[in-house]
Structures are given as structure tokens and as C-alpha cells.
Amino acid sequence: MFDKISLINDAAKLFLSSESEVDEAEVKLGICFPSGYREYVTRFGEGILGGTYVRIYPPHRILSGINNNEEWRQRIMQYWFWDNGRDTLSKETALESIIIGDTYDGDELIVHASHPERIHVLPRYSEDIHIAGNGLAEAMEWLCSSGVLTEAFDDRIFEPFDSRAQRS
């Protein structure tokens, strides 16, 4: 999946995470990120894939950025509405999970420390919970190709951005 990704502009500046940032976040969060996560954030960094669709959060954003894990958990505690998906993921387990990304439509990608390879999606417009796949590459391909949350698309263009600049 990652080999299919191309930059919107070959001269585009990437906002990469370092290996040590990924390591530090894993220690602070008490989780091993799913396979592919480290490669993605150190190779492509922060940005959006598919024109305007998938955003994978870099470690700094998970820890303290926009919609960071603590803020996300507080919001989910208050606004939980995925009871149709409780057989896939309970509210209690979701509240122990880590948000690793989202879609521009507001669907959120989360992982739990007990099974960090399995990426769950909390859809914005549905009370179901989806398993997008095991590992980041499989989950991202599901998001782009399954047609479940949005119409399937072939665009694997990556546009970098820095959410830290947006907060200033």
C-alpha cells in the first residue's frame, strides 16, 4: 500500500516524525503502534492521503496536538453513540484505546494495547464499529477501497501539512 503513495508535489516539504518520537510515544501511551505506523510517520509524516481523506496522526499530535488522545477520550466518554458496535468493541475498551488517525469526514481510527494490530474505525455517521484491518497498510487500503465509509477511490496522493503550525 505505501509503495502506491505519491506526493502531491515532489518538492513538497514533509513533516516527518523521528524513530525516537515514535518510541517515546509508545512508552508514554503504553502501547506498541500497529505495523506500518512507524514506517508511515517516518517516511511520509503528517498529512492527508487520498486528496482529502485519511490523516494518520504523528506521535506529537497523539500526545498533545489537535484531538490528542486525552481530549479524544474525554469527548468519546461524553458523546459515545456506537452501541450497535459493542460486539466488535465495547465502550470501556474504546476508552482505553489510542486514536491514531481520522478521516476528513470525522471517522476515527483507534487501536487498543491488547491487540494493537487491529485497527477499529468509529464512524461519524453510523452507530456501528468497523475493523479496518490488521496493521496500518491494510487499514488504509480498506478505508480507501472498501466503499463502506466513502465511495472507493484510487487516489493515493499524499499532501503533507503540519498541525503544529495550525495551532499557532
N, C-alpha and C. Protein backbone atom coordinates (compact mmCIF):
# COMPACT_ATOMS: atom_id res chain seq x y z
N MET A 1 0.84 -1.20 0.00
CA MET A 1 0.00 0.00 0.00
C MET A 1 0.87 1.25 0.00
N PHE A 2 1.89 1.31 0.85
CA PHE A 2 2.70 2.52 0.96
C PHE A 2 3.47 2.81 -0.33
N ASP A 3 3.81 1.77 -1.10
CA ASP A 3 4.53 1.99 -2.36
C ASP A 3 3.65 2.62 -3.42
N LYS A 4 2.33 2.57 -3.24
CA LYS A 4 1.39 3.18 -4.18
C LYS A 4 1.21 4.68 -3.91
N ILE A 5 1.72 5.15 -2.77
CA ILE A 5 1.52 6.54 -2.38
C ILE A 5 2.54 7.43 -3.09
N SER A 6 2.04 8.54 -3.63
CA SER A 6 2.94 9.52 -4.23
C SER A 6 2.65 10.89 -3.63
N LEU A 7 3.65 11.72 -3.61
CA LEU A 7 3.50 13.07 -3.08
C LEU A 7 2.75 13.95 -4.07
N ILE A 8 1.97 14.86 -3.54
CA ILE A 8 1.22 15.80 -4.37
C ILE A 8 2.17 16.64 -5.22
N ASN A 9 3.38 16.84 -4.70
CA ASN A 9 4.39 17.65 -5.36
C ASN A 9 5.73 17.11 -4.92
N ASP A 10 6.58 16.76 -5.84
CA ASP A 10 7.89 16.18 -5.49
C ASP A 10 8.73 17.11 -4.63
N ALA A 11 8.46 18.40 -4.70
CA ALA A 11 9.22 19.37 -3.92
C ALA A 11 8.55 19.68 -2.58
N ALA A 12 7.45 19.00 -2.27
CA ALA A 12 6.71 19.28 -1.04
C ALA A 12 7.57 18.97 0.19
N LYS A 13 7.49 19.85 1.16
CA LYS A 13 8.21 19.64 2.41
C LYS A 13 7.43 18.63 3.26
N LEU A 14 8.12 17.61 3.74
CA LEU A 14 7.50 16.60 4.60
C LEU A 14 7.70 16.96 6.06
N PHE A 15 6.73 16.61 6.89
CA PHE A 15 6.79 16.87 8.33
C PHE A 15 6.89 15.52 9.03
N LEU A 16 8.11 14.97 8.98
CA LEU A 16 8.36 13.61 9.44
C LEU A 16 8.51 13.51 10.95
N SER A 17 8.16 12.35 11.46
CA SER A 17 8.43 12.01 12.86
C SER A 17 9.72 11.20 12.87
N SER A 18 10.44 11.29 13.97
CA SER A 18 11.66 10.50 14.11
C SER A 18 11.34 9.18 14.79
N GLU A 19 12.24 8.23 14.64
CA GLU A 19 12.10 6.93 15.33
C GLU A 19 11.99 7.15 16.83
N SER A 20 12.78 8.09 17.37
CA SER A 20 12.74 8.32 18.82
C SER A 20 11.41 8.92 19.27
N GLU A 21 10.77 9.73 18.43
CA GLU A 21 9.44 10.25 18.77
C GLU A 21 8.41 9.12 18.84
N VAL A 22 8.50 8.18 17.91
CA VAL A 22 7.60 7.03 17.93
C VAL A 22 7.86 6.20 19.18
N ASP A 23 9.13 5.94 19.48
CA ASP A 23 9.49 5.17 20.68
C ASP A 23 8.96 5.84 21.95
N GLU A 24 9.17 7.15 22.06
CA GLU A 24 8.73 7.90 23.24
C GLU A 24 7.21 7.83 23.40
N ALA A 25 6.49 7.99 22.31
CA ALA A 25 5.02 7.93 22.37
C ALA A 25 4.56 6.54 22.80
N GLU A 26 5.20 5.50 22.29
CA GLU A 26 4.82 4.14 22.68
C GLU A 26 5.01 3.94 24.18
N VAL A 27 6.10 4.45 24.72
CA VAL A 27 6.35 4.32 26.16
C VAL A 27 5.31 5.12 26.95
N LYS A 28 5.08 6.36 26.58
CA LYS A 28 4.12 7.21 27.29
C LYS A 28 2.70 6.66 27.24
N LEU A 29 2.34 6.07 26.11
CA LEU A 29 0.98 5.57 25.92
C LEU A 29 0.82 4.12 26.37
N GLY A 30 1.93 3.42 26.59
CA GLY A 30 1.87 2.02 26.99
C GLY A 30 1.35 1.11 25.89
N ILE A 31 1.76 1.37 24.67
CA ILE A 31 1.27 0.60 23.53
C ILE A 31 2.38 0.45 22.49
N CYS A 32 2.29 -0.60 21.72
CA CYS A 32 3.10 -0.71 20.50
C CYS A 32 2.16 -0.32 19.37
N PHE A 33 2.57 0.63 18.57
CA PHE A 33 1.73 1.03 17.45
C PHE A 33 1.61 -0.13 16.46
N PRO A 34 0.55 -0.14 15.66
CA PRO A 34 0.39 -1.22 14.68
C PRO A 34 1.51 -1.20 13.64
N SER A 35 1.76 -2.37 13.05
CA SER A 35 2.77 -2.43 12.00
C SER A 35 2.40 -1.43 10.91
N GLY A 36 3.40 -0.82 10.36
CA GLY A 36 3.20 0.18 9.31
C GLY A 36 3.12 1.60 9.83
N TYR A 37 2.72 1.76 11.09
CA TYR A 37 2.59 3.11 11.64
C TYR A 37 3.95 3.82 11.63
N ARG A 38 4.94 3.17 12.20
CA ARG A 38 6.29 3.77 12.29
C ARG A 38 6.80 4.12 10.89
N GLU A 39 6.66 3.18 9.96
CA GLU A 39 7.13 3.43 8.59
C GLU A 39 6.40 4.63 7.98
N TYR A 40 5.10 4.71 8.18
CA TYR A 40 4.31 5.79 7.59
C TYR A 40 4.73 7.15 8.12
N VAL A 41 4.81 7.30 9.45
CA VAL A 41 5.09 8.63 10.01
C VAL A 41 6.56 9.04 9.85
N THR A 42 7.46 8.07 9.65
CA THR A 42 8.86 8.43 9.41
C THR A 42 9.16 8.58 7.92
N ARG A 43 8.31 8.03 7.07
CA ARG A 43 8.51 8.12 5.62
C ARG A 43 7.70 9.25 4.98
N PHE A 44 6.44 9.40 5.41
CA PHE A 44 5.56 10.42 4.85
C PHE A 44 5.30 11.55 5.83
N GLY A 45 5.21 11.22 7.10
CA GLY A 45 4.97 12.23 8.13
C GLY A 45 3.50 12.57 8.24
N GLU A 46 3.26 13.79 8.64
CA GLU A 46 1.89 14.26 8.84
C GLU A 46 1.35 14.82 7.53
N GLY A 47 0.11 14.49 7.25
CA GLY A 47 -0.51 14.97 6.03
C GLY A 47 -1.83 14.26 5.80
N ILE A 48 -2.30 14.35 4.59
CA ILE A 48 -3.59 13.74 4.25
C ILE A 48 -3.43 12.93 2.97
N LEU A 49 -4.01 11.75 2.98
CA LEU A 49 -3.91 10.83 1.86
C LEU A 49 -5.24 10.78 1.11
N GLY A 50 -5.17 10.64 -0.19
CA GLY A 50 -6.37 10.47 -0.99
C GLY A 50 -7.07 11.78 -1.29
N GLY A 51 -6.30 12.80 -1.52
CA GLY A 51 -6.90 14.10 -1.80
C GLY A 51 -7.30 14.80 -0.51
N THR A 52 -8.36 14.34 0.10
CA THR A 52 -8.80 14.93 1.37
C THR A 52 -9.46 13.85 2.23
N TYR A 53 -8.76 12.74 2.46
CA TYR A 53 -9.46 11.68 3.16
C TYR A 53 -8.80 11.18 4.45
N VAL A 54 -7.69 10.47 4.41
CA VAL A 54 -7.13 9.81 5.59
C VAL A 54 -5.99 10.63 6.18
N ARG A 55 -6.07 10.86 7.48
CA ARG A 55 -4.98 11.54 8.20
C ARG A 55 -4.49 10.59 9.29
N ILE A 56 -3.22 10.26 9.26
CA ILE A 56 -2.61 9.46 10.32
C ILE A 56 -1.86 10.42 11.23
N TYR A 57 -2.19 10.36 12.51
CA TYR A 57 -1.60 11.30 13.45
C TYR A 57 -0.16 10.93 13.78
N PRO A 58 0.75 11.90 13.74
CA PRO A 58 2.12 11.65 14.21
C PRO A 58 2.12 11.61 15.74
N PRO A 59 3.19 11.10 16.33
CA PRO A 59 3.23 10.98 17.79
C PRO A 59 2.93 12.28 18.54
N HIS A 60 3.47 13.41 18.07
CA HIS A 60 3.25 14.67 18.79
C HIS A 60 1.77 15.02 18.84
N ARG A 61 1.04 14.70 17.79
CA ARG A 61 -0.39 15.03 17.77
C ARG A 61 -1.19 14.10 18.68
N ILE A 62 -0.82 12.85 18.74
CA ILE A 62 -1.49 11.90 19.63
C ILE A 62 -1.29 12.32 21.08
N LEU A 63 -0.09 12.79 21.39
CA LEU A 63 0.23 13.15 22.77
C LEU A 63 -0.29 14.52 23.18
N SER A 64 -0.24 15.51 22.27
CA SER A 64 -0.61 16.85 22.73
C SER A 64 -1.17 17.76 21.65
N GLY A 65 -1.46 17.25 20.50
CA GLY A 65 -1.94 18.10 19.42
C GLY A 65 -3.45 18.21 19.37
N ILE A 66 -3.93 18.67 18.24
CA ILE A 66 -5.36 18.80 17.99
C ILE A 66 -5.98 17.41 18.08
N ASN A 67 -7.06 17.28 18.84
CA ASN A 67 -7.74 16.00 19.05
C ASN A 67 -6.77 14.95 19.61
N ASN A 68 -5.90 15.37 20.55
CA ASN A 68 -4.96 14.42 21.15
C ASN A 68 -5.71 13.34 21.92
N ASN A 69 -5.00 12.31 22.32
CA ASN A 69 -5.64 11.14 22.90
C ASN A 69 -6.45 11.48 24.15
N GLU A 70 -5.93 12.33 25.01
CA GLU A 70 -6.67 12.69 26.24
C GLU A 70 -7.97 13.43 25.91
N GLU A 71 -7.89 14.42 25.04
CA GLU A 71 -9.10 15.16 24.63
C GLU A 71 -10.09 14.24 23.93
N TRP A 72 -9.56 13.35 23.08
CA TRP A 72 -10.42 12.42 22.36
C TRP A 72 -11.17 11.51 23.34
N ARG A 73 -10.47 10.96 24.32
CA ARG A 73 -11.13 10.08 25.31
C ARG A 73 -12.22 10.83 26.07
N GLN A 74 -11.96 12.06 26.45
CA GLN A 74 -12.98 12.85 27.16
C GLN A 74 -14.21 13.06 26.28
N ARG A 75 -13.99 13.36 25.02
CA ARG A 75 -15.11 13.57 24.10
C ARG A 75 -15.89 12.28 23.88
N ILE A 76 -15.18 11.19 23.71
CA ILE A 76 -15.85 9.90 23.48
C ILE A 76 -16.64 9.48 24.72
N MET A 77 -16.10 9.73 25.89
CA MET A 77 -16.82 9.41 27.13
C MET A 77 -18.16 10.16 27.17
N GLN A 78 -18.13 11.41 26.77
CA GLN A 78 -19.33 12.24 26.82
C GLN A 78 -20.30 11.96 25.67
N TYR A 79 -19.76 11.67 24.49
CA TYR A 79 -20.60 11.55 23.30
C TYR A 79 -20.57 10.16 22.67
N TRP A 80 -20.51 9.12 23.44
CA TRP A 80 -20.49 7.75 22.91
C TRP A 80 -21.83 7.43 22.26
N PHE A 81 -21.81 6.96 21.02
CA PHE A 81 -23.06 6.56 20.37
C PHE A 81 -22.89 5.33 19.47
N TRP A 82 -21.87 4.51 19.73
CA TRP A 82 -21.61 3.35 18.89
C TRP A 82 -22.10 2.05 19.53
N ASP A 83 -23.27 2.08 20.15
CA ASP A 83 -23.77 0.89 20.83
C ASP A 83 -24.06 -0.26 19.87
N ASN A 84 -24.36 0.02 18.62
CA ASN A 84 -24.56 -1.06 17.65
C ASN A 84 -23.28 -1.87 17.44
N GLY A 85 -22.14 -1.27 17.72
CA GLY A 85 -20.86 -1.95 17.52
C GLY A 85 -20.27 -2.58 18.77
N ARG A 86 -21.03 -2.64 19.84
CA ARG A 86 -20.48 -3.12 21.12
C ARG A 86 -19.97 -4.56 21.06
N ASP A 87 -20.48 -5.38 20.12
CA ASP A 87 -19.94 -6.74 19.98
C ASP A 87 -18.55 -6.72 19.34
N THR A 88 -18.25 -5.67 18.61
CA THR A 88 -16.94 -5.51 18.00
C THR A 88 -15.96 -4.85 18.96
N LEU A 89 -16.45 -3.83 19.69
CA LEU A 89 -15.61 -3.09 20.63
C LEU A 89 -16.52 -2.42 21.65
N SER A 90 -16.29 -2.72 22.92
CA SER A 90 -17.12 -2.10 23.96
C SER A 90 -16.69 -0.66 24.22
N LYS A 91 -17.55 0.10 24.81
CA LYS A 91 -17.23 1.48 25.17
C LYS A 91 -16.04 1.50 26.12
N GLU A 92 -16.01 0.58 27.08
CA GLU A 92 -14.91 0.54 28.05
C GLU A 92 -13.56 0.30 27.35
N THR A 93 -13.55 -0.62 26.40
CA THR A 93 -12.32 -0.89 25.66
C THR A 93 -11.95 0.29 24.78
N ALA A 94 -12.93 0.89 24.14
CA ALA A 94 -12.66 2.06 23.31
C ALA A 94 -12.03 3.18 24.14
N LEU A 95 -12.52 3.36 25.36
CA LEU A 95 -11.99 4.43 26.22
C LEU A 95 -10.57 4.15 26.71
N GLU A 96 -10.11 2.93 26.55
CA GLU A 96 -8.72 2.58 26.87
C GLU A 96 -7.84 2.63 25.62
N SER A 97 -8.45 2.89 24.48
CA SER A 97 -7.75 2.85 23.19
C SER A 97 -7.00 4.14 22.90
N ILE A 98 -6.23 4.10 21.85
CA ILE A 98 -5.43 5.23 21.40
C ILE A 98 -5.92 5.62 20.01
N ILE A 99 -6.18 6.91 19.82
CA ILE A 99 -6.55 7.40 18.49
C ILE A 99 -5.26 7.58 17.69
N ILE A 100 -5.24 7.01 16.49
CA ILE A 100 -4.04 7.14 15.65
C ILE A 100 -4.31 7.89 14.35
N GLY A 101 -5.56 8.25 14.12
CA GLY A 101 -5.87 8.97 12.90
C GLY A 101 -7.35 9.19 12.74
N ASP A 102 -7.69 9.81 11.64
CA ASP A 102 -9.09 10.03 11.33
C ASP A 102 -9.25 10.21 9.83
N THR A 103 -10.49 10.40 9.43
CA THR A 103 -10.75 10.77 8.05
C THR A 103 -11.27 12.20 8.07
N TYR A 104 -11.21 12.81 6.94
CA TYR A 104 -11.67 14.19 6.84
C TYR A 104 -13.16 14.28 7.13
N ASP A 105 -13.87 13.15 6.98
CA ASP A 105 -15.30 13.09 7.27
C ASP A 105 -15.59 12.96 8.76
N GLY A 106 -14.56 12.72 9.58
CA GLY A 106 -14.77 12.61 11.02
C GLY A 106 -14.79 11.20 11.57
N ASP A 107 -14.51 10.20 10.76
CA ASP A 107 -14.38 8.83 11.23
C ASP A 107 -13.02 8.72 11.94
N GLU A 108 -12.97 7.98 13.07
CA GLU A 108 -11.73 7.94 13.84
C GLU A 108 -11.14 6.54 13.90
N LEU A 109 -9.82 6.47 13.75
CA LEU A 109 -9.08 5.21 13.76
C LEU A 109 -8.44 5.03 15.12
N ILE A 110 -8.72 3.88 15.76
CA ILE A 110 -8.19 3.65 17.10
C ILE A 110 -7.60 2.25 17.22
N VAL A 111 -6.70 2.09 18.18
CA VAL A 111 -6.11 0.79 18.50
C VAL A 111 -6.11 0.62 20.01
N HIS A 112 -6.13 -0.64 20.44
CA HIS A 112 -6.10 -0.96 21.87
C HIS A 112 -4.81 -1.73 22.14
N ALA A 113 -4.24 -1.49 23.31
CA ALA A 113 -2.96 -2.11 23.68
C ALA A 113 -3.01 -3.64 23.67
N SER A 114 -4.19 -4.22 23.93
CA SER A 114 -4.28 -5.68 23.97
C SER A 114 -4.20 -6.31 22.57
N HIS A 115 -4.46 -5.54 21.54
CA HIS A 115 -4.39 -6.04 20.16
C HIS A 115 -4.07 -4.85 19.25
N PRO A 116 -2.85 -4.32 19.34
CA PRO A 116 -2.53 -3.09 18.61
C PRO A 116 -2.50 -3.24 17.09
N GLU A 117 -2.46 -4.46 16.57
CA GLU A 117 -2.50 -4.63 15.12
C GLU A 117 -3.89 -4.35 14.57
N ARG A 118 -4.91 -4.61 15.35
CA ARG A 118 -6.29 -4.44 14.87
C ARG A 118 -6.69 -2.97 14.96
N ILE A 119 -7.04 -2.41 13.84
CA ILE A 119 -7.43 -1.01 13.79
C ILE A 119 -8.94 -0.94 13.64
N HIS A 120 -9.56 -0.29 14.61
CA HIS A 120 -11.01 -0.09 14.61
C HIS A 120 -11.32 1.30 14.07
N VAL A 121 -12.50 1.42 13.47
CA VAL A 121 -12.96 2.72 12.99
C VAL A 121 -14.29 3.03 13.67
N LEU A 122 -14.34 4.19 14.30
CA LEU A 122 -15.58 4.72 14.86
C LEU A 122 -16.12 5.70 13.83
N PRO A 123 -17.13 5.28 13.06
CA PRO A 123 -17.64 6.15 12.00
C PRO A 123 -18.43 7.34 12.55
N ARG A 124 -18.33 8.43 11.88
CA ARG A 124 -19.07 9.62 12.29
C ARG A 124 -20.57 9.48 12.04
N TYR A 125 -20.93 8.83 10.95
CA TYR A 125 -22.33 8.79 10.54
C TYR A 125 -22.98 7.43 10.74
N SER A 126 -22.46 6.63 11.65
CA SER A 126 -23.03 5.30 11.89
C SER A 126 -22.79 4.91 13.34
N GLU A 127 -23.67 4.10 13.88
CA GLU A 127 -23.51 3.60 15.25
C GLU A 127 -22.78 2.26 15.26
N ASP A 128 -22.33 1.78 14.10
CA ASP A 128 -21.56 0.55 14.02
C ASP A 128 -20.09 0.87 14.25
N ILE A 129 -19.32 -0.15 14.55
CA ILE A 129 -17.87 -0.02 14.65
C ILE A 129 -17.29 -1.01 13.65
N HIS A 130 -16.30 -0.57 12.89
CA HIS A 130 -15.70 -1.41 11.86
C HIS A 130 -14.29 -1.80 12.25
N ILE A 131 -13.89 -2.98 11.84
CA ILE A 131 -12.48 -3.38 11.91
C ILE A 131 -11.92 -3.12 10.52
N ALA A 132 -11.00 -2.16 10.45
CA ALA A 132 -10.46 -1.76 9.16
C ALA A 132 -9.37 -2.73 8.69
N GLY A 133 -8.79 -3.45 9.62
CA GLY A 133 -7.77 -4.41 9.24
C GLY A 133 -6.72 -4.55 10.30
N ASN A 134 -5.74 -5.37 9.99
CA ASN A 134 -4.60 -5.57 10.88
C ASN A 134 -3.40 -4.87 10.28
N GLY A 135 -2.85 -3.94 11.00
CA GLY A 135 -1.75 -3.14 10.51
C GLY A 135 -2.25 -1.93 9.74
N LEU A 136 -1.43 -0.90 9.72
CA LEU A 136 -1.84 0.36 9.13
C LEU A 136 -2.06 0.27 7.62
N ALA A 137 -1.19 -0.43 6.91
CA ALA A 137 -1.35 -0.51 5.45
C ALA A 137 -2.68 -1.16 5.08
N GLU A 138 -3.04 -2.25 5.75
CA GLU A 138 -4.30 -2.93 5.46
C GLU A 138 -5.49 -2.03 5.80
N ALA A 139 -5.40 -1.34 6.93
CA ALA A 139 -6.50 -0.45 7.34
C ALA A 139 -6.67 0.71 6.37
N MET A 140 -5.57 1.29 5.93
CA MET A 140 -5.67 2.40 5.00
C MET A 140 -6.22 1.95 3.65
N GLU A 141 -5.82 0.77 3.22
CA GLU A 141 -6.37 0.25 1.96
C GLU A 141 -7.87 0.01 2.10
N TRP A 142 -8.31 -0.51 3.25
CA TRP A 142 -9.74 -0.70 3.50
C TRP A 142 -10.48 0.63 3.45
N LEU A 143 -9.92 1.65 4.10
CA LEU A 143 -10.55 2.97 4.11
C LEU A 143 -10.72 3.52 2.70
N CYS A 144 -9.71 3.33 1.86
CA CYS A 144 -9.74 3.88 0.51
C CYS A 144 -10.52 3.03 -0.49
N SER A 145 -10.59 1.72 -0.27
CA SER A 145 -11.11 0.82 -1.29
C SER A 145 -12.40 0.09 -0.96
N SER A 146 -12.77 0.00 0.31
CA SER A 146 -13.90 -0.85 0.69
C SER A 146 -15.25 -0.28 0.24
N GLY A 147 -15.36 1.03 0.16
CA GLY A 147 -16.63 1.65 -0.17
C GLY A 147 -17.61 1.68 0.99
N VAL A 148 -17.15 1.33 2.19
CA VAL A 148 -18.04 1.30 3.36
C VAL A 148 -18.30 2.70 3.91
N LEU A 149 -17.27 3.49 4.09
CA LEU A 149 -17.42 4.82 4.69
C LEU A 149 -17.53 5.94 3.66
N THR A 150 -16.95 5.70 2.52
CA THR A 150 -16.99 6.66 1.42
C THR A 150 -16.89 5.88 0.12
N GLU A 151 -17.21 6.49 -0.96
CA GLU A 151 -17.07 5.81 -2.24
C GLU A 151 -15.60 5.44 -2.46
N ALA A 152 -15.35 4.22 -2.90
CA ALA A 152 -13.98 3.76 -3.13
C ALA A 152 -13.28 4.68 -4.12
N PHE A 153 -11.99 4.90 -3.89
CA PHE A 153 -11.23 5.75 -4.79
C PHE A 153 -9.82 5.21 -4.95
N ASP A 154 -9.20 5.54 -6.08
CA ASP A 154 -7.85 5.06 -6.40
C ASP A 154 -6.76 6.05 -6.04
N ASP A 155 -7.12 7.27 -5.75
CA ASP A 155 -6.16 8.33 -5.48
C ASP A 155 -5.32 7.99 -4.24
N ARG A 156 -4.01 7.85 -4.42
CA ARG A 156 -3.10 7.60 -3.30
C ARG A 156 -2.07 8.73 -3.23
N ILE A 157 -2.58 9.94 -3.45
CA ILE A 157 -1.74 11.13 -3.39
C ILE A 157 -1.67 11.59 -1.94
N PHE A 158 -0.47 11.92 -1.49
CA PHE A 158 -0.25 12.38 -0.12
C PHE A 158 0.12 13.86 -0.14
N GLU A 159 -0.60 14.64 0.65
CA GLU A 159 -0.30 16.07 0.78
C GLU A 159 0.15 16.35 2.21
N PRO A 160 1.40 16.74 2.40
CA PRO A 160 1.89 16.98 3.75
C PRO A 160 1.35 18.28 4.36
N PHE A 161 1.20 18.28 5.66
CA PHE A 161 0.89 19.51 6.41
C PHE A 161 1.39 19.33 7.84
N ASP A 162 1.48 20.42 8.55
CA ASP A 162 1.98 20.41 9.92
C ASP A 162 0.91 20.96 10.84
N SER A 163 0.28 20.13 11.63
CA SER A 163 -0.80 20.58 12.52
C SER A 163 -0.28 21.52 13.61
N ARG A 164 1.00 21.45 13.91
CA ARG A 164 1.56 22.38 14.91
C ARG A 164 1.49 23.80 14.41
N ALA A 165 1.66 24.00 13.12
CA ALA A 165 1.57 25.35 12.55
C ALA A 165 0.13 25.86 12.61
N GLN A 166 -0.83 24.95 12.51
CA GLN A 166 -2.24 25.34 12.55
C GLN A 166 -2.67 25.78 13.95
N ARG A 167 -2.00 25.32 14.98
CA ARG A 167 -2.36 25.66 16.35
C ARG A 167 -1.84 27.04 16.76
N SER A 168 -0.80 27.48 16.07
CA SER A 168 -0.17 28.76 16.44
C SER A 168 -1.05 29.93 16.14
